[in-house]
Amino acid sequence: MRKHRLLVLNIFMMFTIACVQSAHAQAPNEPLYNDLSKTLGFIMGQRFTLNRIKAEYPTLSLQVQITELQFKATFGTAEKKIEKLLKNLLKEKYTEYVATLEKKEAVSKGQPFL
């Protein structure tokens, strides 16, 4: 059980570190939607990773559920506000944007964990 918990924490930390390392400071002329998209992508990526852990390691489902609740409590409001801002910024392109994100998520479903 302890081994599985460490695995979940390691995967979570690796993903977080990868996201932080790939982030860069926003240039003054860079559109706001770029930062919003990156942040929403991070949130969706975390949720996706937790769902994969739950599916591939059923014995960890309780720990994953606790982590999901904590994550939602921390980022849930921000996610809703980001989605609302992106809808306002992208207007009719928002549905295309969401479809692209979902397609990327679907492609990565077939890839194994490290």
C-alpha atoms as a PDB file:
ATOM      1  CA  MET A   1       0.000   0.000   0.000  1.00  0.00           C
ATOM      2  CA  ARG A   2       2.812   2.377   0.901  1.00  0.00           C
ATOM      3  CA  LYS A   3       4.491   1.515  -2.384  1.00  0.00           C
ATOM      4  CA  HIS A   4       1.387   2.516  -4.344  1.00  0.00           C
ATOM      5  CA  ARG A   5       1.056   5.787  -2.442  1.00  0.00           C
ATOM      6  CA  LEU A   6       4.677   6.632  -3.268  1.00  0.00           C
ATOM      7  CA  LEU A   7       4.018   5.779  -6.907  1.00  0.00           C
ATOM      8  CA  VAL A   8       1.056   8.158  -7.041  1.00  0.00           C
ATOM      9  CA  LEU A   9       3.025  10.924  -5.356  1.00  0.00           C
ATOM     10  CA  ASN A  10       5.999  10.397  -7.664  1.00  0.00           C
ATOM     11  CA  ILE A  11       3.847  10.513 -10.784  1.00  0.00           C
ATOM     12  CA  PHE A  12       2.041  13.609  -9.527  1.00  0.00           C
ATOM     13  CA  MET A  13       5.335  15.362  -8.725  1.00  0.00           C
ATOM     14  CA  MET A  14       6.937  14.420 -12.060  1.00  0.00           C
ATOM     15  CA  PHE A  15       3.978  15.827 -13.961  1.00  0.00           C
ATOM     16  CA  THR A  16       3.963  19.007 -11.865  1.00  0.00           C
ATOM     17  CA  ILE A  17       7.702  19.545 -12.327  1.00  0.00           C
ATOM     18  CA  ALA A  18       7.405  18.978 -16.077  1.00  0.00           C
ATOM     19  CA  CYS A  19       4.635  21.564 -16.302  1.00  0.00           C
ATOM     20  CA  VAL A  20       6.550  24.120 -14.256  1.00  0.00           C
ATOM     21  CA  GLN A  21       9.739  23.625 -16.253  1.00  0.00           C
ATOM     22  CA  SER A  22       7.952  24.096 -19.554  1.00  0.00           C
ATOM     23  CA  ALA A  23       6.255  27.293 -18.406  1.00  0.00           C
ATOM     24  CA  HIS A  24       7.818  30.632 -19.209  1.00  0.00           C
ATOM     25  CA  ALA A  25       7.171  34.235 -18.282  1.00  0.00           C
ATOM     26  CA  GLN A  26       4.471  35.975 -20.272  1.00  0.00           C
ATOM     27  CA  ALA A  27       5.742  38.645 -22.619  1.00  0.00           C
ATOM     28  CA  PRO A  28       3.828  41.919 -22.380  1.00  0.00           C
ATOM     29  CA  ASN A  29       2.411  41.481 -25.886  1.00  0.00           C
ATOM     30  CA  GLU A  30       1.511  37.800 -25.505  1.00  0.00           C
ATOM     31  CA  PRO A  31      -2.264  37.272 -25.524  1.00  0.00           C
ATOM     32  CA  LEU A  32      -3.981  36.493 -22.241  1.00  0.00           C
ATOM     33  CA  TYR A  33      -5.558  33.356 -23.669  1.00  0.00           C
ATOM     34  CA  ASN A  34      -2.097  31.742 -23.906  1.00  0.00           C
ATOM     35  CA  ASP A  35      -1.632  31.827 -20.136  1.00  0.00           C
ATOM     36  CA  LEU A  36      -5.234  30.825 -19.533  1.00  0.00           C
ATOM     37  CA  SER A  37      -4.855  27.890 -21.920  1.00  0.00           C
ATOM     38  CA  LYS A  38      -1.682  26.699 -20.235  1.00  0.00           C
ATOM     39  CA  THR A  39      -3.316  26.857 -16.829  1.00  0.00           C
ATOM     40  CA  LEU A  40      -6.436  25.048 -18.001  1.00  0.00           C
ATOM     41  CA  GLY A  41      -4.229  22.440 -19.682  1.00  0.00           C
ATOM     42  CA  PHE A  42      -2.427  21.883 -16.380  1.00  0.00           C
ATOM     43  CA  ILE A  43      -5.714  21.388 -14.535  1.00  0.00           C
ATOM     44  CA  MET A  44      -7.068  19.018 -17.185  1.00  0.00           C
ATOM     45  CA  GLY A  45      -3.773  17.119 -17.238  1.00  0.00           C
ATOM     46  CA  GLN A  46      -3.875  16.580 -13.504  1.00  0.00           C
ATOM     47  CA  ARG A  47      -7.438  15.293 -13.668  1.00  0.00           C
ATOM     48  CA  PHE A  48      -6.572  13.038 -16.591  1.00  0.00           C
ATOM     49  CA  THR A  49      -3.559  11.616 -14.745  1.00  0.00           C
ATOM     50  CA  LEU A  50      -5.594  10.909 -11.635  1.00  0.00           C
ATOM     51  CA  ASN A  51      -8.233   9.115 -13.744  1.00  0.00           C
ATOM     52  CA  ARG A  52      -5.551   6.978 -15.358  1.00  0.00           C
ATOM     53  CA  ILE A  53      -4.045   6.088 -11.998  1.00  0.00           C
ATOM     54  CA  LYS A  54      -7.489   5.125 -10.738  1.00  0.00           C
ATOM     55  CA  ALA A  55      -8.082   2.938 -13.803  1.00  0.00           C
ATOM     56  CA  GLU A  56      -4.666   1.272 -13.874  1.00  0.00           C
ATOM     57  CA  TYR A  57      -4.229   0.900 -10.103  1.00  0.00           C
ATOM     58  CA  PRO A  58      -7.662   0.155  -8.614  1.00  0.00           C
ATOM     59  CA  THR A  59      -6.144  -0.414  -5.183  1.00  0.00           C
ATOM     60  CA  LEU A  60      -5.283   3.284  -5.089  1.00  0.00           C
ATOM     61  CA  SER A  61      -8.797   4.487  -5.856  1.00  0.00           C
ATOM     62  CA  LEU A  62      -9.417   5.791  -2.330  1.00  0.00           C
ATOM     63  CA  GLN A  63      -6.194   7.824  -2.329  1.00  0.00           C
ATOM     64  CA  VAL A  64      -6.976   9.107  -5.812  1.00  0.00           C
ATOM     65  CA  GLN A  65     -10.478  10.168  -4.737  1.00  0.00           C
ATOM     66  CA  ILE A  66      -9.021  12.073  -1.789  1.00  0.00           C
ATOM     67  CA  THR A  67      -6.500  13.750  -4.074  1.00  0.00           C
ATOM     68  CA  GLU A  68      -9.252  14.621  -6.573  1.00  0.00           C
ATOM     69  CA  LEU A  69     -11.296  16.272  -3.836  1.00  0.00           C
ATOM     70  CA  GLN A  70      -8.303  18.238  -2.607  1.00  0.00           C
ATOM     71  CA  PHE A  71      -7.406  19.277  -6.149  1.00  0.00           C
ATOM     72  CA  LYS A  72     -10.977  20.350  -6.888  1.00  0.00           C
ATOM     73  CA  ALA A  73     -11.131  22.337  -3.657  1.00  0.00           C
ATOM     74  CA  THR A  74      -7.913  24.107  -4.614  1.00  0.00           C
ATOM     75  CA  PHE A  75      -8.433  24.666  -8.345  1.00  0.00           C
ATOM     76  CA  GLY A  76     -12.185  24.216  -8.961  1.00  0.00           C
ATOM     77  CA  THR A  77     -13.121  27.895  -8.793  1.00  0.00           C
ATOM     78  CA  ALA A  78     -10.115  28.904 -10.865  1.00  0.00           C
ATOM     79  CA  GLU A  79     -11.020  26.349 -13.526  1.00  0.00           C
ATOM     80  CA  LYS A  80     -14.562  27.706 -13.841  1.00  0.00           C
ATOM     81  CA  LYS A  81     -13.304  31.288 -14.095  1.00  0.00           C
ATOM     82  CA  ILE A  82     -10.681  30.340 -16.684  1.00  0.00           C
ATOM     83  CA  GLU A  83     -13.282  28.527 -18.793  1.00  0.00           C
ATOM     84  CA  LYS A  84     -15.572  31.562 -18.614  1.00  0.00           C
ATOM     85  CA  LEU A  85     -12.750  33.940 -19.616  1.00  0.00           C
ATOM     86  CA  LEU A  86     -11.697  31.686 -22.490  1.00  0.00           C
ATOM     87  CA  LYS A  87     -15.297  31.532 -23.738  1.00  0.00           C
ATOM     88  CA  ASN A  88     -15.391  35.327 -23.738  1.00  0.00           C
ATOM     89  CA  LEU A  89     -11.972  35.695 -25.396  1.00  0.00           C
ATOM     90  CA  LEU A  90     -12.294  32.958 -28.026  1.00  0.00           C
ATOM     91  CA  LYS A  91     -16.038  33.371 -28.650  1.00  0.00           C
ATOM     92  CA  GLU A  92     -17.131  30.994 -31.437  1.00  0.00           C
ATOM     93  CA  LYS A  93     -13.667  29.370 -31.551  1.00  0.00           C
ATOM     94  CA  TYR A  94     -14.090  28.099 -27.976  1.00  0.00           C
ATOM     95  CA  THR A  95     -15.847  24.869 -29.034  1.00  0.00           C
ATOM     96  CA  GLU A  96     -13.037  24.173 -31.518  1.00  0.00           C
ATOM     97  CA  TYR A  97     -10.500  24.855 -28.750  1.00  0.00           C
ATOM     98  CA  VAL A  98     -12.194  22.399 -26.363  1.00  0.00           C
ATOM     99  CA  ALA A  99     -12.408  19.772 -29.123  1.00  0.00           C
ATOM    100  CA  THR A 100      -8.653  20.117 -29.708  1.00  0.00           C
ATOM    101  CA  LEU A 101      -7.929  19.621 -26.007  1.00  0.00           C
ATOM    102  CA  GLU A 102     -10.169  16.569 -25.873  1.00  0.00           C
ATOM    103  CA  LYS A 103      -8.473  15.121 -28.957  1.00  0.00           C
ATOM    104  CA  LYS A 104      -5.052  15.545 -27.334  1.00  0.00           C
ATOM    105  CA  GLU A 105      -6.334  13.837 -24.202  1.00  0.00           C
ATOM    106  CA  ALA A 106      -7.751  10.955 -26.241  1.00  0.00           C
ATOM    107  CA  VAL A 107      -4.415  10.460 -28.024  1.00  0.00           C
ATOM    108  CA  SER A 108      -2.500  10.361 -24.757  1.00  0.00           C
ATOM    109  CA  LYS A 109      -4.881   7.753 -23.287  1.00  0.00           C
ATOM    110  CA  GLY A 110      -3.171   5.065 -25.313  1.00  0.00           C
ATOM    111  CA  GLN A 111       0.279   5.953 -24.009  1.00  0.00           C
ATOM    112  CA  PRO A 112       1.587   3.949 -21.032  1.00  0.00           C
ATOM    113  CA  PHE A 113       2.802   5.492 -17.798  1.00  0.00           C
ATOM    114  CA  LEU A 114       6.544   5.861 -17.413  1.00  0.00           C
END
